[in-house]
Amino acid sequence: MGKLEKASFDGEAYQPQEETYFNDGREIALLHFIYGHSRLEEMQGNPQKVLDAIDEYGRTQKYLMNIGEYKSKTVIDLIHKERPQIMVELGGYVGYSAVAFGAALRDAGGKRYYSLETNPEFAAVILMLVDLAGLNDIVKVVVGSSTSSLERLSKDGTLKHIDLLFLDHYKPAYTTDLKLCEELGLVSVGSVYAADNVVKPGNPPYLEYVRSTVEEKRHKISDGNKPSSRGNPNLVYESQFVEGWEPSGVPDAIEITRCVGIEA
């Protein structure tokens, strides 16, 4: 587990990833590209057409740090299999995942997709593309840091349980935010997590955590080198490494983790 075996990328890649590859105006340029597109009318109420337009920008204009069509299929298949009612994503960027997974969640009979994004400009882009795709009934965009947003949504009763959690934000926050969800009781037996970018750029601390046994997690807490966030070490996880590709053609993977039990 953890070794990429695919030999080549089969598809049309995004533009190369530059040294500066986000938050330099390209996100607003994407909006202008889409709303000035000759096929704008076809995109109205059509999530796939919106995704196609985002991909077109990434392939012909500038790189976008989206999950892309290849890895997104892994999560869409997961949604169709698990049929979650409530799904939360940490890190929405320009809304590719919110459109792709929000549409899949609606098709699977789900109730709500929460897209948590810390950058207000990115959140505005998500809102506009979600509206264009006709997904306002299922996707809710929440602006603020992932940690503060999770705490707030839990405290006010808006979010009581997460069936499927998609992690695609600041990589060091994957583990701390998952532990926060554990502490808040937002995840439990039956919850599923999909963590992107576990190869590029990689996330060893997160992989170590979700692949650890209950005994290993308890030992780490009690060995005198206590982590800043305790989480709930009693949750039992089963984790799977699923190969994929960045839209730029670079190998990557998603870690799919299921909470399958609680040890007393």
C-alpha atoms as a PDB file:
ATOM      1  CA  MET A   1       0.000   0.000   0.000  1.00  0.00           C
ATOM      2  CA  GLY A   2       1.277   3.467  -0.833  1.00  0.00           C
ATOM      3  CA  LYS A   3       3.163   2.660  -4.024  1.00  0.00           C
ATOM      4  CA  LEU A   4       2.038   4.129  -7.328  1.00  0.00           C
ATOM      5  CA  GLU A   5       2.050   1.542 -10.071  1.00  0.00           C
ATOM      6  CA  LYS A   6       0.565   3.375 -13.028  1.00  0.00           C
ATOM      7  CA  ALA A   7       3.100   4.015 -15.755  1.00  0.00           C
ATOM      8  CA  SER A   8       1.700   6.912 -17.734  1.00  0.00           C
ATOM      9  CA  PHE A   9      -0.893   9.659 -17.742  1.00  0.00           C
ATOM     10  CA  ASP A  10      -3.620   9.184 -20.324  1.00  0.00           C
ATOM     11  CA  GLY A  11      -5.406  12.479 -20.906  1.00  0.00           C
ATOM     12  CA  GLU A  12      -5.065  16.152 -21.706  1.00  0.00           C
ATOM     13  CA  ALA A  13      -3.080  17.804 -18.946  1.00  0.00           C
ATOM     14  CA  TYR A  14      -3.487  21.226 -17.390  1.00  0.00           C
ATOM     15  CA  GLN A  15      -0.894  23.899 -18.006  1.00  0.00           C
ATOM     16  CA  PRO A  16       2.332  23.305 -16.012  1.00  0.00           C
ATOM     17  CA  GLN A  17       2.299  24.268 -12.347  1.00  0.00           C
ATOM     18  CA  GLU A  18       4.377  27.414 -11.937  1.00  0.00           C
ATOM     19  CA  GLU A  19       6.281  28.570  -8.860  1.00  0.00           C
ATOM     20  CA  THR A  20       3.319  30.800  -8.025  1.00  0.00           C
ATOM     21  CA  TYR A  21       0.251  28.778  -8.890  1.00  0.00           C
ATOM     22  CA  PHE A  22      -2.666  30.302  -6.987  1.00  0.00           C
ATOM     23  CA  ASN A  23      -3.978  33.552  -5.515  1.00  0.00           C
ATOM     24  CA  ASP A  24      -2.380  35.660  -8.233  1.00  0.00           C
ATOM     25  CA  GLY A  25      -5.568  36.701 -10.018  1.00  0.00           C
ATOM     26  CA  ARG A  26      -6.169  33.490 -11.968  1.00  0.00           C
ATOM     27  CA  GLU A  27      -9.195  32.604  -9.857  1.00  0.00           C
ATOM     28  CA  ILE A  28     -11.012  35.796 -10.875  1.00  0.00           C
ATOM     29  CA  ALA A  29      -9.737  35.342 -14.428  1.00  0.00           C
ATOM     30  CA  LEU A  30     -11.462  31.945 -14.405  1.00  0.00           C
ATOM     31  CA  LEU A  31     -14.783  33.645 -13.693  1.00  0.00           C
ATOM     32  CA  HIS A  32     -14.288  36.040 -16.595  1.00  0.00           C
ATOM     33  CA  PHE A  33     -13.338  33.101 -18.821  1.00  0.00           C
ATOM     34  CA  ILE A  34     -16.479  31.175 -17.915  1.00  0.00           C
ATOM     35  CA  TYR A  35     -18.947  34.047 -17.945  1.00  0.00           C
ATOM     36  CA  GLY A  36     -17.553  35.236 -21.270  1.00  0.00           C
ATOM     37  CA  HIS A  37     -17.656  31.745 -22.757  1.00  0.00           C
ATOM     38  CA  SER A  38     -19.565  31.120 -25.970  1.00  0.00           C
ATOM     39  CA  ARG A  39     -21.232  28.104 -24.314  1.00  0.00           C
ATOM     40  CA  LEU A  40     -22.257  29.870 -21.120  1.00  0.00           C
ATOM     41  CA  GLU A  41     -25.946  29.168 -21.713  1.00  0.00           C
ATOM     42  CA  GLU A  42     -25.227  25.428 -21.888  1.00  0.00           C
ATOM     43  CA  MET A  43     -23.588  25.581 -18.458  1.00  0.00           C
ATOM     44  CA  GLN A  44     -26.658  26.946 -16.699  1.00  0.00           C
ATOM     45  CA  GLY A  45     -27.980  24.194 -14.456  1.00  0.00           C
ATOM     46  CA  ASN A  46     -25.465  21.707 -15.872  1.00  0.00           C
ATOM     47  CA  PRO A  47     -22.681  20.779 -13.405  1.00  0.00           C
ATOM     48  CA  GLN A  48     -20.705  18.734 -15.922  1.00  0.00           C
ATOM     49  CA  LYS A  49     -20.582  21.614 -18.415  1.00  0.00           C
ATOM     50  CA  VAL A  50     -19.278  23.894 -15.648  1.00  0.00           C
ATOM     51  CA  LEU A  51     -16.574  21.348 -14.790  1.00  0.00           C
ATOM     52  CA  ASP A  52     -15.667  21.080 -18.466  1.00  0.00           C
ATOM     53  CA  ALA A  53     -15.218  24.856 -18.629  1.00  0.00           C
ATOM     54  CA  ILE A  54     -12.990  24.884 -15.527  1.00  0.00           C
ATOM     55  CA  ASP A  55     -10.891  22.130 -17.074  1.00  0.00           C
ATOM     56  CA  GLU A  56     -10.714  24.048 -20.345  1.00  0.00           C
ATOM     57  CA  TYR A  57      -9.300  27.065 -18.521  1.00  0.00           C
ATOM     58  CA  GLY A  58      -6.751  24.894 -16.734  1.00  0.00           C
ATOM     59  CA  ARG A  59      -5.650  23.282 -19.987  1.00  0.00           C
ATOM     60  CA  THR A  60      -5.533  26.357 -22.185  1.00  0.00           C
ATOM     61  CA  GLN A  61      -4.879  29.294 -19.830  1.00  0.00           C
ATOM     62  CA  LYS A  62      -3.320  28.651 -16.403  1.00  0.00           C
ATOM     63  CA  TYR A  63      -2.894  25.776 -14.007  1.00  0.00           C
ATOM     64  CA  LEU A  64      -5.582  25.429 -11.319  1.00  0.00           C
ATOM     65  CA  MET A  65      -5.041  23.406  -8.141  1.00  0.00           C
ATOM     66  CA  ASN A  66      -8.255  21.418  -8.543  1.00  0.00           C
ATOM     67  CA  ILE A  67      -8.713  17.753  -7.762  1.00  0.00           C
ATOM     68  CA  GLY A  68      -9.413  17.307 -11.493  1.00  0.00           C
ATOM     69  CA  GLU A  69     -11.524  14.805 -13.395  1.00  0.00           C
ATOM     70  CA  TYR A  70      -9.320  11.758 -12.692  1.00  0.00           C
ATOM     71  CA  LYS A  71      -9.173  11.758  -8.897  1.00  0.00           C
ATOM     72  CA  SER A  72     -12.661  13.245  -8.601  1.00  0.00           C
ATOM     73  CA  LYS A  73     -14.056  10.045 -10.114  1.00  0.00           C
ATOM     74  CA  THR A  74     -12.725   8.157  -7.086  1.00  0.00           C
ATOM     75  CA  VAL A  75     -14.703  10.409  -4.738  1.00  0.00           C
ATOM     76  CA  ILE A  76     -17.812  10.408  -6.945  1.00  0.00           C
ATOM     77  CA  ASP A  77     -17.790   6.609  -6.950  1.00  0.00           C
ATOM     78  CA  LEU A  78     -17.418   6.718  -3.167  1.00  0.00           C
ATOM     79  CA  ILE A  79     -20.437   9.032  -2.874  1.00  0.00           C
ATOM     80  CA  HIS A  80     -22.553   6.721  -5.013  1.00  0.00           C
ATOM     81  CA  LYS A  81     -21.456   3.725  -2.918  1.00  0.00           C
ATOM     82  CA  GLU A  82     -21.799   5.254   0.559  1.00  0.00           C
ATOM     83  CA  ARG A  83     -24.829   7.483  -0.184  1.00  0.00           C
ATOM     84  CA  PRO A  84     -23.969  10.070   2.515  1.00  0.00           C
ATOM     85  CA  GLN A  85     -26.569  12.541   3.708  1.00  0.00           C
ATOM     86  CA  ILE A  86     -24.108  15.175   4.925  1.00  0.00           C
ATOM     87  CA  MET A  87     -20.746  15.815   3.240  1.00  0.00           C
ATOM     88  CA  VAL A  88     -18.139  18.380   4.254  1.00  0.00           C
ATOM     89  CA  GLU A  89     -15.116  19.548   2.303  1.00  0.00           C
ATOM     90  CA  LEU A  90     -12.200  21.385   3.878  1.00  0.00           C
ATOM     91  CA  GLY A  91     -10.736  23.664   1.213  1.00  0.00           C
ATOM     92  CA  GLY A  92     -13.038  24.624  -1.640  1.00  0.00           C
ATOM     93  CA  TYR A  93     -10.681  26.713  -3.811  1.00  0.00           C
ATOM     94  CA  VAL A  94     -12.677  27.663  -6.969  1.00  0.00           C
ATOM     95  CA  GLY A  95     -15.463  25.130  -6.512  1.00  0.00           C
ATOM     96  CA  TYR A  96     -14.469  22.240  -8.765  1.00  0.00           C
ATOM     97  CA  SER A  97     -15.022  19.721  -5.996  1.00  0.00           C
ATOM     98  CA  ALA A  98     -18.155  21.496  -4.722  1.00  0.00           C
ATOM     99  CA  VAL A  99     -19.722  21.271  -8.170  1.00  0.00           C
ATOM    100  CA  ALA A 100     -18.575  17.701  -8.889  1.00  0.00           C
ATOM    101  CA  PHE A 101     -19.344  16.240  -5.471  1.00  0.00           C
ATOM    102  CA  GLY A 102     -22.387  18.399  -4.773  1.00  0.00           C
ATOM    103  CA  ALA A 103     -23.984  17.091  -7.968  1.00  0.00           C
ATOM    104  CA  ALA A 104     -23.057  13.505  -7.066  1.00  0.00           C
ATOM    105  CA  LEU A 105     -24.416  13.955  -3.532  1.00  0.00           C
ATOM    106  CA  ARG A 106     -27.718  15.260  -4.881  1.00  0.00           C
ATOM    107  CA  ASP A 107     -27.946  12.351  -7.326  1.00  0.00           C
ATOM    108  CA  ALA A 108     -27.313   9.948  -4.434  1.00  0.00           C
ATOM    109  CA  GLY A 109     -30.140  11.444  -2.364  1.00  0.00           C
ATOM    110  CA  GLY A 110     -27.948  13.447   0.001  1.00  0.00           C
ATOM    111  CA  LYS A 111     -29.139  16.529   1.876  1.00  0.00           C
ATOM    112  CA  ARG A 112     -26.272  19.020   2.214  1.00  0.00           C
ATOM    113  CA  TYR A 113     -22.722  19.654   1.005  1.00  0.00           C
ATOM    114  CA  TYR A 114     -20.732  22.116   3.115  1.00  0.00           C
ATOM    115  CA  SER A 115     -17.767  23.740   1.357  1.00  0.00           C
ATOM    116  CA  LEU A 116     -15.432  25.356   3.895  1.00  0.00           C
ATOM    117  CA  GLU A 117     -13.046  27.918   2.388  1.00  0.00           C
ATOM    118  CA  THR A 118     -10.832  30.355   4.286  1.00  0.00           C
ATOM    119  CA  ASN A 119     -10.209  32.805   1.398  1.00  0.00           C
ATOM    120  CA  PRO A 120     -13.266  35.054   0.834  1.00  0.00           C
ATOM    121  CA  GLU A 121     -12.390  35.680  -2.826  1.00  0.00           C
ATOM    122  CA  PHE A 122     -12.172  31.967  -3.527  1.00  0.00           C
ATOM    123  CA  ALA A 123     -15.440  31.475  -1.656  1.00  0.00           C
ATOM    124  CA  ALA A 124     -17.089  34.072  -3.917  1.00  0.00           C
ATOM    125  CA  VAL A 125     -15.890  32.161  -6.965  1.00  0.00           C
ATOM    126  CA  ILE A 126     -17.334  28.949  -5.527  1.00  0.00           C
ATOM    127  CA  LEU A 127     -20.674  30.657  -4.918  1.00  0.00           C
ATOM    128  CA  MET A 128     -20.905  31.921  -8.491  1.00  0.00           C
ATOM    129  CA  LEU A 129     -19.987  28.589 -10.071  1.00  0.00           C
ATOM    130  CA  VAL A 130     -22.282  26.630  -7.759  1.00  0.00           C
ATOM    131  CA  ASP A 131     -25.090  28.995  -8.750  1.00  0.00           C
ATOM    132  CA  LEU A 132     -24.269  28.598 -12.437  1.00  0.00           C
ATOM    133  CA  ALA A 133     -24.349  24.810 -12.056  1.00  0.00           C
ATOM    134  CA  GLY A 134     -27.755  24.952 -10.375  1.00  0.00           C
ATOM    135  CA  LEU A 135     -26.579  23.490  -7.081  1.00  0.00           C
ATOM    136  CA  ASN A 136     -27.671  26.162  -4.601  1.00  0.00           C
ATOM    137  CA  ASP A 137     -30.168  23.726  -3.136  1.00  0.00           C
ATOM    138  CA  ILE A 138     -27.473  21.314  -1.983  1.00  0.00           C
ATOM    139  CA  VAL A 139     -24.174  23.253  -1.611  1.00  0.00           C
ATOM    140  CA  LYS A 140     -23.574  25.646   1.289  1.00  0.00           C
ATOM    141  CA  VAL A 141     -20.369  27.716   1.208  1.00  0.00           C
ATOM    142  CA  VAL A 142     -18.899  28.616   4.600  1.00  0.00           C
ATOM    143  CA  VAL A 143     -16.193  31.316   4.764  1.00  0.00           C
ATOM    144  CA  GLY A 144     -13.516  31.153   7.450  1.00  0.00           C
ATOM    145  CA  SER A 145     -10.724  28.929   8.682  1.00  0.00           C
ATOM    146  CA  SER A 146     -11.576  25.251   8.693  1.00  0.00           C
ATOM    147  CA  THR A 147     -11.033  24.983  12.444  1.00  0.00           C
ATOM    148  CA  SER A 148     -13.203  27.956  13.411  1.00  0.00           C
ATOM    149  CA  SER A 149     -15.903  26.991  10.896  1.00  0.00           C
ATOM    150  CA  LEU A 150     -16.131  23.423  12.202  1.00  0.00           C
ATOM    151  CA  GLU A 151     -16.330  24.674  15.779  1.00  0.00           C
ATOM    152  CA  ARG A 152     -18.999  27.230  14.901  1.00  0.00           C
ATOM    153  CA  LEU A 153     -21.138  24.856  12.830  1.00  0.00           C
ATOM    154  CA  SER A 154     -20.971  22.290  15.618  1.00  0.00           C
ATOM    155  CA  LYS A 155     -21.710  24.768  18.408  1.00  0.00           C
ATOM    156  CA  ASP A 156     -24.784  26.261  16.746  1.00  0.00           C
ATOM    157  CA  GLY A 157     -26.173  22.835  15.847  1.00  0.00           C
ATOM    158  CA  THR A 158     -25.954  23.305  12.091  1.00  0.00           C
ATOM    159  CA  LEU A 159     -23.567  20.376  11.761  1.00  0.00           C
ATOM    160  CA  LYS A 160     -24.204  17.363  13.959  1.00  0.00           C
ATOM    161  CA  HIS A 161     -22.609  14.519  12.025  1.00  0.00           C
ATOM    162  CA  ILE A 162     -20.379  14.176   8.978  1.00  0.00           C
ATOM    163  CA  ASP A 163     -21.012  11.134   6.811  1.00  0.00           C
ATOM    164  CA  LEU A 164     -18.278  11.896   4.279  1.00  0.00           C
ATOM    165  CA  LEU A 165     -15.356  14.283   4.877  1.00  0.00           C
ATOM    166  CA  PHE A 166     -13.199  15.483   1.977  1.00  0.00           C
ATOM    167  CA  LEU A 167      -9.858  16.989   3.011  1.00  0.00           C
ATOM    168  CA  ASP A 168      -8.115  19.172   0.436  1.00  0.00           C
ATOM    169  CA  HIS A 169      -6.896  22.252   2.310  1.00  0.00           C
ATOM    170  CA  TYR A 170      -3.711  23.225   4.174  1.00  0.00           C
ATOM    171  CA  LYS A 171      -1.876  19.919   4.462  1.00  0.00           C
ATOM    172  CA  PRO A 172      -0.634  20.244   8.075  1.00  0.00           C
ATOM    173  CA  ALA A 173      -4.259  20.865   9.109  1.00  0.00           C
ATOM    174  CA  TYR A 174      -5.544  17.494   7.854  1.00  0.00           C
ATOM    175  CA  THR A 175      -4.686  15.684  11.077  1.00  0.00           C
ATOM    176  CA  THR A 176      -5.573  18.485  13.485  1.00  0.00           C
ATOM    177  CA  ASP A 177      -8.933  19.109  11.810  1.00  0.00           C
ATOM    178  CA  LEU A 178      -9.784  15.407  11.746  1.00  0.00           C
ATOM    179  CA  LYS A 179      -8.939  15.207  15.438  1.00  0.00           C
ATOM    180  CA  LEU A 180     -11.154  18.234  16.041  1.00  0.00           C
ATOM    181  CA  CYS A 181     -14.026  16.478  14.267  1.00  0.00           C
ATOM    182  CA  GLU A 182     -13.408  13.463  16.516  1.00  0.00           C
ATOM    183  CA  GLU A 183     -13.423  15.611  19.654  1.00  0.00           C
ATOM    184  CA  LEU A 184     -16.623  17.402  18.596  1.00  0.00           C
ATOM    185  CA  GLY A 185     -18.329  14.095  17.889  1.00  0.00           C
ATOM    186  CA  LEU A 186     -18.887  15.053  14.255  1.00  0.00           C
ATOM    187  CA  VAL A 187     -17.389  11.757  13.038  1.00  0.00           C
ATOM    188  CA  SER A 188     -18.093   8.299  14.384  1.00  0.00           C
ATOM    189  CA  VAL A 189     -18.702   4.743  13.236  1.00  0.00           C
ATOM    190  CA  GLY A 190     -19.811   4.875   9.608  1.00  0.00           C
ATOM    191  CA  SER A 191     -18.046   8.127   8.776  1.00  0.00           C
ATOM    192  CA  VAL A 192     -15.750   8.052   5.746  1.00  0.00           C
ATOM    193  CA  TYR A 193     -12.834  10.393   4.944  1.00  0.00           C
ATOM    194  CA  ALA A 194     -11.254  11.076   1.553  1.00  0.00           C
ATOM    195  CA  ALA A 195      -7.910  12.891   1.812  1.00  0.00           C
ATOM    196  CA  ASP A 196      -6.430  14.319  -1.382  1.00  0.00           C
ATOM    197  CA  ASN A 197      -2.754  14.933  -2.218  1.00  0.00           C
ATOM    198  CA  VAL A 198      -1.283  12.187  -0.048  1.00  0.00           C
ATOM    199  CA  VAL A 199       1.496  11.748  -2.647  1.00  0.00           C
ATOM    200  CA  LYS A 200       1.800  15.262  -4.099  1.00  0.00           C
ATOM    201  CA  PRO A 201       2.893  17.004  -1.965  1.00  0.00           C
ATOM    202  CA  GLY A 202       2.317  14.160   0.503  1.00  0.00           C
ATOM    203  CA  ASN A 203       1.071  14.071   4.085  1.00  0.00           C
ATOM    204  CA  PRO A 204       2.996  11.551   6.247  1.00  0.00           C
ATOM    205  CA  PRO A 205       1.544  12.723   9.609  1.00  0.00           C
ATOM    206  CA  TYR A 206      -2.031  12.244   8.378  1.00  0.00           C
ATOM    207  CA  LEU A 207      -1.309   8.832   6.869  1.00  0.00           C
ATOM    208  CA  GLU A 208       0.396   7.725  10.073  1.00  0.00           C
ATOM    209  CA  TYR A 209      -2.628   8.802  12.114  1.00  0.00           C
ATOM    210  CA  VAL A 210      -5.394   7.154  10.072  1.00  0.00           C
ATOM    211  CA  ARG A 211      -3.322   3.978   9.627  1.00  0.00           C
ATOM    212  CA  SER A 212      -2.504   3.662  13.338  1.00  0.00           C
ATOM    213  CA  THR A 213      -4.223   1.177  15.624  1.00  0.00           C
ATOM    214  CA  VAL A 214      -6.128   2.306  18.696  1.00  0.00           C
ATOM    215  CA  GLU A 215      -3.269   0.980  20.840  1.00  0.00           C
ATOM    216  CA  GLU A 216      -0.724   3.001  18.868  1.00  0.00           C
ATOM    217  CA  LYS A 217      -2.775   6.181  19.179  1.00  0.00           C
ATOM    218  CA  ARG A 218      -3.303   5.697  22.894  1.00  0.00           C
ATOM    219  CA  HIS A 219       0.406   5.043  23.418  1.00  0.00           C
ATOM    220  CA  LYS A 220       1.354   8.240  21.609  1.00  0.00           C
ATOM    221  CA  ILE A 221      -0.906  10.241  23.931  1.00  0.00           C
ATOM    222  CA  SER A 222       0.388   8.584  27.093  1.00  0.00           C
ATOM    223  CA  ASP A 223       4.107   8.406  26.317  1.00  0.00           C
ATOM    224  CA  GLY A 224       4.824  11.892  27.649  1.00  0.00           C
ATOM    225  CA  ASN A 225       5.067  13.514  24.221  1.00  0.00           C
ATOM    226  CA  LYS A 226       1.451  14.580  24.060  1.00  0.00           C
ATOM    227  CA  PRO A 227       0.142  15.942  20.738  1.00  0.00           C
ATOM    228  CA  SER A 228      -1.462  19.380  20.684  1.00  0.00           C
ATOM    229  CA  SER A 229      -4.800  17.825  19.743  1.00  0.00           C
ATOM    230  CA  ARG A 230      -5.894  14.576  21.325  1.00  0.00           C
ATOM    231  CA  GLY A 231      -8.757  13.599  19.050  1.00  0.00           C
ATOM    232  CA  ASN A 232     -10.545  10.364  19.895  1.00  0.00           C
ATOM    233  CA  PRO A 233      -7.939   7.604  19.868  1.00  0.00           C
ATOM    234  CA  ASN A 234     -10.607   4.960  20.473  1.00  0.00           C
ATOM    235  CA  LEU A 235     -11.991   5.173  16.928  1.00  0.00           C
ATOM    236  CA  VAL A 236     -10.998   2.211  14.769  1.00  0.00           C
ATOM    237  CA  TYR A 237     -10.017   3.022  11.189  1.00  0.00           C
ATOM    238  CA  GLU A 238      -9.535   1.024   8.021  1.00  0.00           C
ATOM    239  CA  SER A 239      -7.635   2.916   5.344  1.00  0.00           C
ATOM    240  CA  GLN A 240      -7.040   2.414   1.634  1.00  0.00           C
ATOM    241  CA  PHE A 241      -4.578   4.147  -0.716  1.00  0.00           C
ATOM    242  CA  VAL A 242      -6.182   4.861  -4.104  1.00  0.00           C
ATOM    243  CA  GLU A 243      -3.921   5.886  -6.969  1.00  0.00           C
ATOM    244  CA  GLY A 244      -4.760   8.787  -9.221  1.00  0.00           C
ATOM    245  CA  TRP A 245      -3.434  11.734 -11.166  1.00  0.00           C
ATOM    246  CA  GLU A 246      -3.236  15.437 -10.688  1.00  0.00           C
ATOM    247  CA  PRO A 247      -4.880  17.307 -13.611  1.00  0.00           C
ATOM    248  CA  SER A 248      -1.345  18.344 -14.587  1.00  0.00           C
ATOM    249  CA  GLY A 249      -0.512  14.675 -15.216  1.00  0.00           C
ATOM    250  CA  VAL A 250       1.566  14.179 -12.058  1.00  0.00           C
ATOM    251  CA  PRO A 251       0.924  10.983 -10.050  1.00  0.00           C
ATOM    252  CA  ASP A 252      -0.974  11.444  -6.794  1.00  0.00           C
ATOM    253  CA  ALA A 253      -3.372   9.481  -4.600  1.00  0.00           C
ATOM    254  CA  ILE A 254      -6.359   9.738  -2.275  1.00  0.00           C
ATOM    255  CA  GLU A 255      -6.474   8.024   1.108  1.00  0.00           C
ATOM    256  CA  ILE A 256      -9.940   6.609   1.796  1.00  0.00           C
ATOM    257  CA  THR A 257     -10.517   5.936   5.492  1.00  0.00           C
ATOM    258  CA  ARG A 258     -13.548   4.371   7.164  1.00  0.00           C
ATOM    259  CA  CYS A 259     -14.427   4.513  10.837  1.00  0.00           C
ATOM    260  CA  VAL A 260     -15.447   0.918  11.527  1.00  0.00           C
ATOM    261  CA  GLY A 261     -15.659   0.754  15.296  1.00  0.00           C
ATOM    262  CA  ILE A 262     -14.920   2.108  18.767  1.00  0.00           C
ATOM    263  CA  GLU A 263     -12.750   0.353  21.328  1.00  0.00           C
ATOM    264  CA  ALA A 264     -13.647   0.758  24.972  1.00  0.00           C
END
